[in-house]
Amino acid sequence: MTYLILNFVFMLTLVFFIAAHKKVAKKPWVLALIIVTALTLLFDPVIITLGIVGYDDALILGLRWFGAPVEDLFYALYAACAIPLVWHTLGAKDEK
């Protein structure tokens, strides 16, 4: 459950960030979401199987995608949402 709590904190900060930046273009966000999620689903099981990354079974929910805990998807979702928001925020300064 520890990873789930950590992910909840990340997602909560993302909600506040999205609320502050309502004019983010949807196309980059959807593209980032698809790419990052696909790469996570593909490579997380590989790096876990190779022993590069490991998880304490007592700290996860127990649901896995080919060996990767589902909590790992939260990081991908967070990145997919945060990247377009950061891009929009930094790009907005250049447009003024």
PDB file of N, CA and C in Angstrom:
ATOM      1  N   MET A   1       0.819  -1.216   0.000  1.00  0.00           N
ATOM      2  CA  MET A   1       0.000   0.000   0.000  1.00  0.00           C
ATOM      3  C   MET A   1       0.851   1.263   0.000  1.00  0.00           C
ATOM      4  N   THR A   2       2.108   1.181   0.357  1.00  0.00           N
ATOM      5  CA  THR A   2       2.952   2.375   0.420  1.00  0.00           C
ATOM      6  C   THR A   2       3.100   3.030  -0.950  1.00  0.00           C
ATOM      7  N   TYR A   3       3.294   2.220  -1.989  1.00  0.00           N
ATOM      8  CA  TYR A   3       3.431   2.775  -3.336  1.00  0.00           C
ATOM      9  C   TYR A   3       2.122   3.436  -3.773  1.00  0.00           C
ATOM     10  N   LEU A   4       1.000   2.866  -3.402  1.00  0.00           N
ATOM     11  CA  LEU A   4      -0.295   3.442  -3.742  1.00  0.00           C
ATOM     12  C   LEU A   4      -0.467   4.806  -3.077  1.00  0.00           C
ATOM     13  N   ILE A   5      -0.063   4.921  -1.833  1.00  0.00           N
ATOM     14  CA  ILE A   5      -0.146   6.209  -1.129  1.00  0.00           C
ATOM     15  C   ILE A   5       0.771   7.237  -1.791  1.00  0.00           C
ATOM     16  N   LEU A   6       1.978   6.836  -2.134  1.00  0.00           N
ATOM     17  CA  LEU A   6       2.904   7.729  -2.825  1.00  0.00           C
ATOM     18  C   LEU A   6       2.318   8.186  -4.159  1.00  0.00           C
ATOM     19  N   ASN A   7       1.722   7.260  -4.897  1.00  0.00           N
ATOM     20  CA  ASN A   7       1.103   7.609  -6.173  1.00  0.00           C
ATOM     21  C   ASN A   7      -0.065   8.560  -5.993  1.00  0.00           C
ATOM     22  N   PHE A   8      -0.824   8.370  -4.922  1.00  0.00           N
ATOM     23  CA  PHE A   8      -1.938   9.270  -4.642  1.00  0.00           C
ATOM     24  C   PHE A   8      -1.433  10.696  -4.429  1.00  0.00           C
ATOM     25  N   VAL A   9      -0.339  10.856  -3.721  1.00  0.00           N
ATOM     26  CA  VAL A   9       0.241  12.185  -3.490  1.00  0.00           C
ATOM     27  C   VAL A   9       0.679  12.804  -4.817  1.00  0.00           C
ATOM     28  N   PHE A  10       1.343  12.013  -5.675  1.00  0.00           N
ATOM     29  CA  PHE A  10       1.736  12.513  -6.990  1.00  0.00           C
ATOM     30  C   PHE A  10       0.523  12.966  -7.798  1.00  0.00           C
ATOM     31  N   MET A  11      -0.518  12.140  -7.823  1.00  0.00           N
ATOM     32  CA  MET A  11      -1.710  12.476  -8.605  1.00  0.00           C
ATOM     33  C   MET A  11      -2.429  13.695  -8.025  1.00  0.00           C
ATOM     34  N   LEU A  12      -2.399  13.856  -6.716  1.00  0.00           N
ATOM     35  CA  LEU A  12      -3.016  15.016  -6.092  1.00  0.00           C
ATOM     36  C   LEU A  12      -2.302  16.300  -6.520  1.00  0.00           C
ATOM     37  N   THR A  13      -0.984  16.270  -6.545  1.00  0.00           N
ATOM     38  CA  THR A  13      -0.249  17.454  -7.015  1.00  0.00           C
ATOM     39  C   THR A  13      -0.553  17.725  -8.470  1.00  0.00           C
ATOM     40  N   LEU A  14      -0.744  16.686  -9.247  1.00  0.00           N
ATOM     41  CA  LEU A  14      -1.073  16.851 -10.661  1.00  0.00           C
ATOM     42  C   LEU A  14      -2.437  17.517 -10.832  1.00  0.00           C
ATOM     43  N   VAL A  15      -3.406  17.146 -10.015  1.00  0.00           N
ATOM     44  CA  VAL A  15      -4.740  17.751 -10.082  1.00  0.00           C
ATOM     45  C   VAL A  15      -4.644  19.255  -9.849  1.00  0.00           C
ATOM     46  N   PHE A  16      -3.864  19.680  -8.881  1.00  0.00           N
ATOM     47  CA  PHE A  16      -3.705  21.110  -8.619  1.00  0.00           C
ATOM     48  C   PHE A  16      -2.989  21.801  -9.783  1.00  0.00           C
ATOM     49  N   PHE A  17      -2.017  21.118 -10.365  1.00  0.00           N
ATOM     50  CA  PHE A  17      -1.277  21.682 -11.497  1.00  0.00           C
ATOM     51  C   PHE A  17      -2.187  21.826 -12.711  1.00  0.00           C
ATOM     52  N   ILE A  18      -3.027  20.832 -12.978  1.00  0.00           N
ATOM     53  CA  ILE A  18      -3.959  20.893 -14.109  1.00  0.00           C
ATOM     54  C   ILE A  18      -4.968  22.015 -13.897  1.00  0.00           C
ATOM     55  N   ALA A  19      -5.446  22.163 -12.675  1.00  0.00           N
ATOM     56  CA  ALA A  19      -6.415  23.220 -12.383  1.00  0.00           C
ATOM     57  C   ALA A  19      -5.828  24.605 -12.651  1.00  0.00           C
ATOM     58  N   ALA A  20      -4.532  24.751 -12.461  1.00  0.00           N
ATOM     59  CA  ALA A  20      -3.878  26.039 -12.691  1.00  0.00           C
ATOM     60  C   ALA A  20      -3.600  26.285 -14.176  1.00  0.00           C
ATOM     61  N   HIS A  21      -3.627  25.241 -15.001  1.00  0.00           N
ATOM     62  CA  HIS A  21      -3.307  25.361 -16.426  1.00  0.00           C
ATOM     63  C   HIS A  21      -4.402  24.714 -17.266  1.00  0.00           C
ATOM     64  N   LYS A  22      -5.549  25.347 -17.333  1.00  0.00           N
ATOM     65  CA  LYS A  22      -6.707  24.770 -18.008  1.00  0.00           C
ATOM     66  C   LYS A  22      -6.604  24.813 -19.534  1.00  0.00           C
ATOM     67  N   LYS A  23      -5.723  25.621 -20.080  1.00  0.00           N
ATOM     68  CA  LYS A  23      -5.675  25.792 -21.530  1.00  0.00           C
ATOM     69  C   LYS A  23      -4.607  24.938 -22.215  1.00  0.00           C
ATOM     70  N   VAL A  24      -4.348  23.793 -21.695  1.00  0.00           N
ATOM     71  CA  VAL A  24      -3.354  22.894 -22.295  1.00  0.00           C
ATOM     72  C   VAL A  24      -3.988  22.199 -23.496  1.00  0.00           C
ATOM     73  N   ALA A  25      -3.245  22.165 -24.608  1.00  0.00           N
ATOM     74  CA  ALA A  25      -3.743  21.506 -25.815  1.00  0.00           C
ATOM     75  C   ALA A  25      -3.931  20.016 -25.559  1.00  0.00           C
ATOM     76  N   LYS A  26      -5.034  19.475 -26.030  1.00  0.00           N
ATOM     77  CA  LYS A  26      -5.348  18.074 -25.758  1.00  0.00           C
ATOM     78  C   LYS A  26      -4.538  17.105 -26.623  1.00  0.00           C
ATOM     79  N   LYS A  27      -4.206  17.475 -27.837  1.00  0.00           N
ATOM     80  CA  LYS A  27      -3.489  16.564 -28.727  1.00  0.00           C
ATOM     81  C   LYS A  27      -2.124  16.150 -28.164  1.00  0.00           C
ATOM     82  N   PRO A  28      -1.274  17.071 -27.694  1.00  0.00           N
ATOM     83  CA  PRO A  28      -0.003  16.640 -27.105  1.00  0.00           C
ATOM     84  C   PRO A  28      -0.201  15.782 -25.855  1.00  0.00           C
ATOM     85  N   TRP A  29      -1.229  16.094 -25.078  1.00  0.00           N
ATOM     86  CA  TRP A  29      -1.483  15.324 -23.872  1.00  0.00           C
ATOM     87  C   TRP A  29      -1.861  13.890 -24.207  1.00  0.00           C
ATOM     88  N   VAL A  30      -2.766  13.714 -25.160  1.00  0.00           N
ATOM     89  CA  VAL A  30      -3.196  12.368 -25.544  1.00  0.00           C
ATOM     90  C   VAL A  30      -2.031  11.596 -26.160  1.00  0.00           C
ATOM     91  N   LEU A  31      -1.248  12.257 -27.001  1.00  0.00           N
ATOM     92  CA  LEU A  31      -0.091  11.603 -27.611  1.00  0.00           C
ATOM     93  C   LEU A  31       0.919  11.168 -26.545  1.00  0.00           C
ATOM     94  N   ALA A  32       1.214  12.036 -25.598  1.00  0.00           N
ATOM     95  CA  ALA A  32       2.133  11.696 -24.512  1.00  0.00           C
ATOM     96  C   ALA A  32       1.578  10.550 -23.673  1.00  0.00           C
ATOM     97  N   LEU A  33       0.290  10.574 -23.394  1.00  0.00           N
ATOM     98  CA  LEU A  33      -0.342   9.517 -22.608  1.00  0.00           C
ATOM     99  C   LEU A  33      -0.210   8.162 -23.300  1.00  0.00           C
ATOM    100  N   ILE A  34      -0.471   8.115 -24.586  1.00  0.00           N
ATOM    101  CA  ILE A  34      -0.384   6.861 -25.345  1.00  0.00           C
ATOM    102  C   ILE A  34       1.049   6.341 -25.386  1.00  0.00           C
ATOM    103  N   ILE A  35       1.994   7.213 -25.707  1.00  0.00           N
ATOM    104  CA  ILE A  35       3.390   6.799 -25.842  1.00  0.00           C
ATOM    105  C   ILE A  35       3.976   6.336 -24.516  1.00  0.00           C
ATOM    106  N   VAL A  36       3.805   7.136 -23.488  1.00  0.00           N
ATOM    107  CA  VAL A  36       4.400   6.794 -22.184  1.00  0.00           C
ATOM    108  C   VAL A  36       3.758   5.545 -21.587  1.00  0.00           C
ATOM    109  N   THR A  37       2.453   5.410 -21.724  1.00  0.00           N
ATOM    110  CA  THR A  37       1.782   4.218 -21.199  1.00  0.00           C
ATOM    111  C   THR A  37       2.229   2.965 -21.956  1.00  0.00           C
ATOM    112  N   ALA A  38       2.312   3.057 -23.270  1.00  0.00           N
ATOM    113  CA  ALA A  38       2.757   1.907 -24.072  1.00  0.00           C
ATOM    114  C   ALA A  38       4.187   1.503 -23.707  1.00  0.00           C
ATOM    115  N   LEU A  39       5.075   2.478 -23.571  1.00  0.00           N
ATOM    116  CA  LEU A  39       6.458   2.171 -23.209  1.00  0.00           C
ATOM    117  C   LEU A  39       6.550   1.573 -21.804  1.00  0.00           C
ATOM    118  N   THR A  40       5.741   2.061 -20.903  1.00  0.00           N
ATOM    119  CA  THR A  40       5.723   1.518 -19.540  1.00  0.00           C
ATOM    120  C   THR A  40       5.239   0.081 -19.543  1.00  0.00           C
ATOM    121  N   LEU A  41       4.152  -0.187 -20.254  1.00  0.00           N
ATOM    122  CA  LEU A  41       3.621  -1.545 -20.314  1.00  0.00           C
ATOM    123  C   LEU A  41       4.604  -2.505 -20.986  1.00  0.00           C
ATOM    124  N   LEU A  42       5.396  -1.998 -21.903  1.00  0.00           N
ATOM    125  CA  LEU A  42       6.350  -2.833 -22.621  1.00  0.00           C
ATOM    126  C   LEU A  42       7.632  -3.072 -21.827  1.00  0.00           C
ATOM    127  N   PHE A  43       8.207  -2.014 -21.272  1.00  0.00           N
ATOM    128  CA  PHE A  43       9.534  -2.130 -20.674  1.00  0.00           C
ATOM    129  C   PHE A  43       9.559  -2.410 -19.174  1.00  0.00           C
ATOM    130  N   ASP A  44       8.523  -2.073 -18.429  1.00  0.00           N
ATOM    131  CA  ASP A  44       8.522  -2.363 -16.990  1.00  0.00           C
ATOM    132  C   ASP A  44       8.684  -3.847 -16.697  1.00  0.00           C
ATOM    133  N   PRO A  45       7.927  -4.719 -17.359  1.00  0.00           N
ATOM    134  CA  PRO A  45       8.141  -6.152 -17.095  1.00  0.00           C
ATOM    135  C   PRO A  45       9.570  -6.601 -17.429  1.00  0.00           C
ATOM    136  N   VAL A  46      10.165  -6.008 -18.439  1.00  0.00           N
ATOM    137  CA  VAL A  46      11.524  -6.382 -18.839  1.00  0.00           C
ATOM    138  C   VAL A  46      12.529  -5.996 -17.756  1.00  0.00           C
ATOM    139  N   ILE A  47      12.475  -4.754 -17.280  1.00  0.00           N
ATOM    140  CA  ILE A  47      13.465  -4.325 -16.295  1.00  0.00           C
ATOM    141  C   ILE A  47      13.262  -5.006 -14.946  1.00  0.00           C
ATOM    142  N   ILE A  48      12.023  -5.389 -14.652  1.00  0.00           N
ATOM    143  CA  ILE A  48      11.772  -6.123 -13.416  1.00  0.00           C
ATOM    144  C   ILE A  48      12.275  -7.559 -13.539  1.00  0.00           C
ATOM    145  N   THR A  49      12.030  -8.188 -14.684  1.00  0.00           N
ATOM    146  CA  THR A  49      12.506  -9.547 -14.920  1.00  0.00           C
ATOM    147  C   THR A  49      14.029  -9.620 -14.893  1.00  0.00           C
ATOM    148  N   LEU A  50      14.690  -8.598 -15.429  1.00  0.00           N
ATOM    149  CA  LEU A  50      16.154  -8.563 -15.437  1.00  0.00           C
ATOM    150  C   LEU A  50      16.738  -8.233 -14.064  1.00  0.00           C
ATOM    151  N   GLY A  51      15.897  -7.829 -13.125  1.00  0.00           N
ATOM    152  CA  GLY A  51      16.367  -7.516 -11.777  1.00  0.00           C
ATOM    153  C   GLY A  51      16.918  -6.108 -11.627  1.00  0.00           C
ATOM    154  N   ILE A  52      16.697  -5.265 -12.616  1.00  0.00           N
ATOM    155  CA  ILE A  52      17.168  -3.873 -12.545  1.00  0.00           C
ATOM    156  C   ILE A  52      16.365  -3.103 -11.494  1.00  0.00           C
ATOM    157  N   VAL A  53      15.070  -3.394 -11.428  1.00  0.00           N
ATOM    158  CA  VAL A  53      14.166  -2.752 -10.476  1.00  0.00           C
ATOM    159  C   VAL A  53      13.432  -3.859  -9.740  1.00  0.00           C
ATOM    160  N   GLY A  54      13.189  -3.652  -8.463  1.00  0.00           N
ATOM    161  CA  GLY A  54      12.441  -4.626  -7.680  1.00  0.00           C
ATOM    162  C   GLY A  54      11.464  -3.935  -6.747  1.00  0.00           C
ATOM    163  N   TYR A  55      10.456  -4.658  -6.333  1.00  0.00           N
ATOM    164  CA  TYR A  55       9.436  -4.109  -5.443  1.00  0.00           C
ATOM    165  C   TYR A  55       9.225  -5.039  -4.268  1.00  0.00           C
ATOM    166  N   ASP A  56       9.051  -4.466  -3.106  1.00  0.00           N
ATOM    167  CA  ASP A  56       8.732  -5.231  -1.910  1.00  0.00           C
ATOM    168  C   ASP A  56       7.254  -5.620  -1.981  1.00  0.00           C
ATOM    169  N   ASP A  57       6.971  -6.905  -1.983  1.00  0.00           N
ATOM    170  CA  ASP A  57       5.594  -7.374  -2.106  1.00  0.00           C
ATOM    171  C   ASP A  57       4.686  -6.865  -0.984  1.00  0.00           C
ATOM    172  N   ALA A  58       5.255  -6.525   0.152  1.00  0.00           N
ATOM    173  CA  ALA A  58       4.449  -6.014   1.264  1.00  0.00           C
ATOM    174  C   ALA A  58       3.995  -4.577   1.024  1.00  0.00           C
ATOM    175  N   LEU A  59       4.607  -3.901   0.052  1.00  0.00           N
ATOM    176  CA  LEU A  59       4.294  -2.488  -0.176  1.00  0.00           C
ATOM    177  C   LEU A  59       3.431  -2.239  -1.415  1.00  0.00           C
ATOM    178  N   ILE A  60       3.077  -3.288  -2.132  1.00  0.00           N
ATOM    179  CA  ILE A  60       2.256  -3.129  -3.340  1.00  0.00           C
ATOM    180  C   ILE A  60       0.906  -3.801  -3.145  1.00  0.00           C
ATOM    181  N   LEU A  61      -0.021  -3.490  -4.059  1.00  0.00           N
ATOM    182  CA  LEU A  61      -1.355  -4.088  -3.972  1.00  0.00           C
ATOM    183  C   LEU A  61      -1.346  -5.578  -4.300  1.00  0.00           C
ATOM    184  N   GLY A  62      -0.434  -5.990  -5.155  1.00  0.00           N
ATOM    185  CA  GLY A  62      -0.367  -7.390  -5.544  1.00  0.00           C
ATOM    186  C   GLY A  62      -0.848  -7.642  -6.966  1.00  0.00           C
ATOM    187  N   LEU A  63      -1.493  -6.653  -7.566  1.00  0.00           N
ATOM    188  CA  LEU A  63      -1.912  -6.771  -8.963  1.00  0.00           C
ATOM    189  C   LEU A  63      -0.709  -6.483  -9.848  1.00  0.00           C
ATOM    190  N   ARG A  64      -0.484  -7.375 -10.823  1.00  0.00           N
ATOM    191  CA  ARG A  64       0.707  -7.232 -11.666  1.00  0.00           C
ATOM    192  C   ARG A  64       0.369  -7.365 -13.138  1.00  0.00           C
ATOM    193  N   TRP A  65       1.160  -6.700 -13.959  1.00  0.00           N
ATOM    194  CA  TRP A  65       1.097  -6.788 -15.417  1.00  0.00           C
ATOM    195  C   TRP A  65       2.398  -7.437 -15.855  1.00  0.00           C
ATOM    196  N   PHE A  66       2.386  -8.711 -16.160  1.00  0.00           N
ATOM    197  CA  PHE A  66       3.576  -9.471 -16.544  1.00  0.00           C
ATOM    198  C   PHE A  66       4.729  -9.238 -15.563  1.00  0.00           C
ATOM    199  N   GLY A  67       4.417  -9.237 -14.289  1.00  0.00           N
ATOM    200  CA  GLY A  67       5.433  -9.078 -13.257  1.00  0.00           C
ATOM    201  C   GLY A  67       5.594  -7.662 -12.733  1.00  0.00           C
ATOM    202  N   ALA A  68       5.083  -6.674 -13.455  1.00  0.00           N
ATOM    203  CA  ALA A  68       5.192  -5.277 -13.025  1.00  0.00           C
ATOM    204  C   ALA A  68       3.954  -4.903 -12.209  1.00  0.00           C
ATOM    205  N   PRO A  69       4.137  -4.312 -11.033  1.00  0.00           N
ATOM    206  CA  PRO A  69       2.977  -3.910 -10.229  1.00  0.00           C
ATOM    207  C   PRO A  69       2.188  -2.797 -10.927  1.00  0.00           C
ATOM    208  N   VAL A  70       0.874  -2.835 -10.775  1.00  0.00           N
ATOM    209  CA  VAL A  70       0.031  -1.832 -11.433  1.00  0.00           C
ATOM    210  C   VAL A  70       0.335  -0.417 -10.935  1.00  0.00           C
ATOM    211  N   GLU A  71       0.910  -0.323  -9.743  1.00  0.00           N
ATOM    212  CA  GLU A  71       1.254   1.011  -9.234  1.00  0.00           C
ATOM    213  C   GLU A  71       2.264   1.719 -10.145  1.00  0.00           C
ATOM    214  N   ASP A  72       3.045   0.951 -10.888  1.00  0.00           N
ATOM    215  CA  ASP A  72       4.010   1.542 -11.809  1.00  0.00           C
ATOM    216  C   ASP A  72       3.333   2.369 -12.896  1.00  0.00           C
ATOM    217  N   LEU A  73       2.106   2.037 -13.224  1.00  0.00           N
ATOM    218  CA  LEU A  73       1.385   2.795 -14.255  1.00  0.00           C
ATOM    219  C   LEU A  73       1.092   4.223 -13.802  1.00  0.00           C
ATOM    220  N   PHE A  74       0.981   4.435 -12.496  1.00  0.00           N
ATOM    221  CA  PHE A  74       0.716   5.782 -12.006  1.00  0.00           C
ATOM    222  C   PHE A  74       1.841   6.740 -12.389  1.00  0.00           C
ATOM    223  N   TYR A  75       3.070   6.257 -12.330  1.00  0.00           N
ATOM    224  CA  TYR A  75       4.193   7.118 -12.701  1.00  0.00           C
ATOM    225  C   TYR A  75       4.116   7.483 -14.173  1.00  0.00           C
ATOM    226  N   ALA A  76       3.737   6.539 -15.006  1.00  0.00           N
ATOM    227  CA  ALA A  76       3.586   6.808 -16.438  1.00  0.00           C
ATOM    228  C   ALA A  76       2.447   7.794 -16.681  1.00  0.00           C
ATOM    229  N   LEU A  77       1.338   7.598 -16.004  1.00  0.00           N
ATOM    230  CA  LEU A  77       0.211   8.517 -16.158  1.00  0.00           C
ATOM    231  C   LEU A  77       0.576   9.922 -15.687  1.00  0.00           C
ATOM    232  N   TYR A  78       1.297   9.990 -14.579  1.00  0.00           N
ATOM    233  CA  TYR A  78       1.730  11.285 -14.068  1.00  0.00           C
ATOM    234  C   TYR A  78       2.641  11.989 -15.074  1.00  0.00           C
ATOM    235  N   ALA A  79       3.611  11.251 -15.605  1.00  0.00           N
ATOM    236  CA  ALA A  79       4.538  11.832 -16.591  1.00  0.00           C
ATOM    237  C   ALA A  79       3.792  12.267 -17.844  1.00  0.00           C
ATOM    238  N   ALA A  80       2.854  11.445 -18.297  1.00  0.00           N
ATOM    239  CA  ALA A  80       2.098  11.765 -19.508  1.00  0.00           C
ATOM    240  C   ALA A  80       1.245  13.016 -19.328  1.00  0.00           C
ATOM    241  N   CYS A  81       0.805  13.261 -18.130  1.00  0.00           N
ATOM    242  CA  CYS A  81       0.024  14.473 -17.861  1.00  0.00           C
ATOM    243  C   CYS A  81       0.934  15.665 -17.593  1.00  0.00           C
ATOM    244  N   ALA A  82       2.023  15.451 -16.884  1.00  0.00           N
ATOM    245  CA  ALA A  82       2.899  16.551 -16.485  1.00  0.00           C
ATOM    246  C   ALA A  82       3.710  17.102 -17.657  1.00  0.00           C
ATOM    247  N   ILE A  83       4.139  16.249 -18.582  1.00  0.00           N
ATOM    248  CA  ILE A  83       4.978  16.714 -19.691  1.00  0.00           C
ATOM    249  C   ILE A  83       4.280  17.785 -20.520  1.00  0.00           C
ATOM    250  N   PRO A  84       3.049  17.572 -21.001  1.00  0.00           N
ATOM    251  CA  PRO A  84       2.384  18.646 -21.755  1.00  0.00           C
ATOM    252  C   PRO A  84       2.125  19.900 -20.918  1.00  0.00           C
ATOM    253  N   LEU A  85       1.859  19.720 -19.620  1.00  0.00           N
ATOM    254  CA  LEU A  85       1.625  20.884 -18.769  1.00  0.00           C
ATOM    255  C   LEU A  85       2.895  21.720 -18.618  1.00  0.00           C
ATOM    256  N   VAL A  86       4.015  21.048 -18.412  1.00  0.00           N
ATOM    257  CA  VAL A  86       5.290  21.766 -18.308  1.00  0.00           C
ATOM    258  C   VAL A  86       5.636  22.418 -19.642  1.00  0.00           C
ATOM    259  N   TRP A  87       5.436  21.683 -20.723  1.00  0.00           N
ATOM    260  CA  TRP A  87       5.702  22.218 -22.065  1.00  0.00           C
ATOM    261  C   TRP A  87       4.870  23.472 -22.309  1.00  0.00           C
ATOM    262  N   HIS A  88       3.591  23.400 -21.965  1.00  0.00           N
ATOM    263  CA  HIS A  88       2.700  24.547 -22.146  1.00  0.00           C
ATOM    264  C   HIS A  88       3.139  25.725 -21.273  1.00  0.00           C
ATOM    265  N   THR A  89       3.515  25.440 -20.052  1.00  0.00           N
ATOM    266  CA  THR A  89       3.926  26.491 -19.124  1.00  0.00           C
ATOM    267  C   THR A  89       5.200  27.181 -19.611  1.00  0.00           C
ATOM    268  N   LEU A  90       6.192  26.415 -20.019  1.00  0.00           N
ATOM    269  CA  LEU A  90       7.453  26.998 -20.498  1.00  0.00           C
ATOM    270  C   LEU A  90       7.268  27.675 -21.842  1.00  0.00           C
ATOM    271  N   GLY A  91       6.433  27.092 -22.698  1.00  0.00           N
ATOM    272  CA  GLY A  91       6.170  27.686 -24.007  1.00  0.00           C
ATOM    273  C   GLY A  91       5.364  28.972 -23.911  1.00  0.00           C
ATOM    274  N   ALA A  92       4.501  29.055 -22.921  1.00  0.00           N
ATOM    275  CA  ALA A  92       3.657  30.247 -22.761  1.00  0.00           C
ATOM    276  C   ALA A  92       4.513  31.473 -22.466  1.00  0.00           C
ATOM    277  N   LYS A  93       5.641  31.309 -21.812  1.00  0.00           N
ATOM    278  CA  LYS A  93       6.531  32.441 -21.515  1.00  0.00           C
ATOM    279  C   LYS A  93       7.172  32.984 -22.784  1.00  0.00           C
ATOM    280  N   ASP A  94       7.458  32.101 -23.759  1.00  0.00           N
ATOM    281  CA  ASP A  94       8.069  32.519 -25.005  1.00  0.00           C
ATOM    282  C   ASP A  94       7.098  33.271 -25.901  1.00  0.00           C
ATOM    283  N   GLU A  95       5.801  32.981 -25.798  1.00  0.00           N
ATOM    284  CA  GLU A  95       4.793  33.585 -26.667  1.00  0.00           C
ATOM    285  C   GLU A  95       4.486  35.021 -26.264  1.00  0.00           C
ATOM    286  N   LYS A  96       4.762  35.420 -25.054  1.00  0.00           N
ATOM    287  CA  LYS A  96       4.388  36.763 -24.563  1.00  0.00           C
ATOM    288  C   LYS A  96       5.308  37.820 -25.062  1.00  0.00           C
TER     289      LYS A  96
END
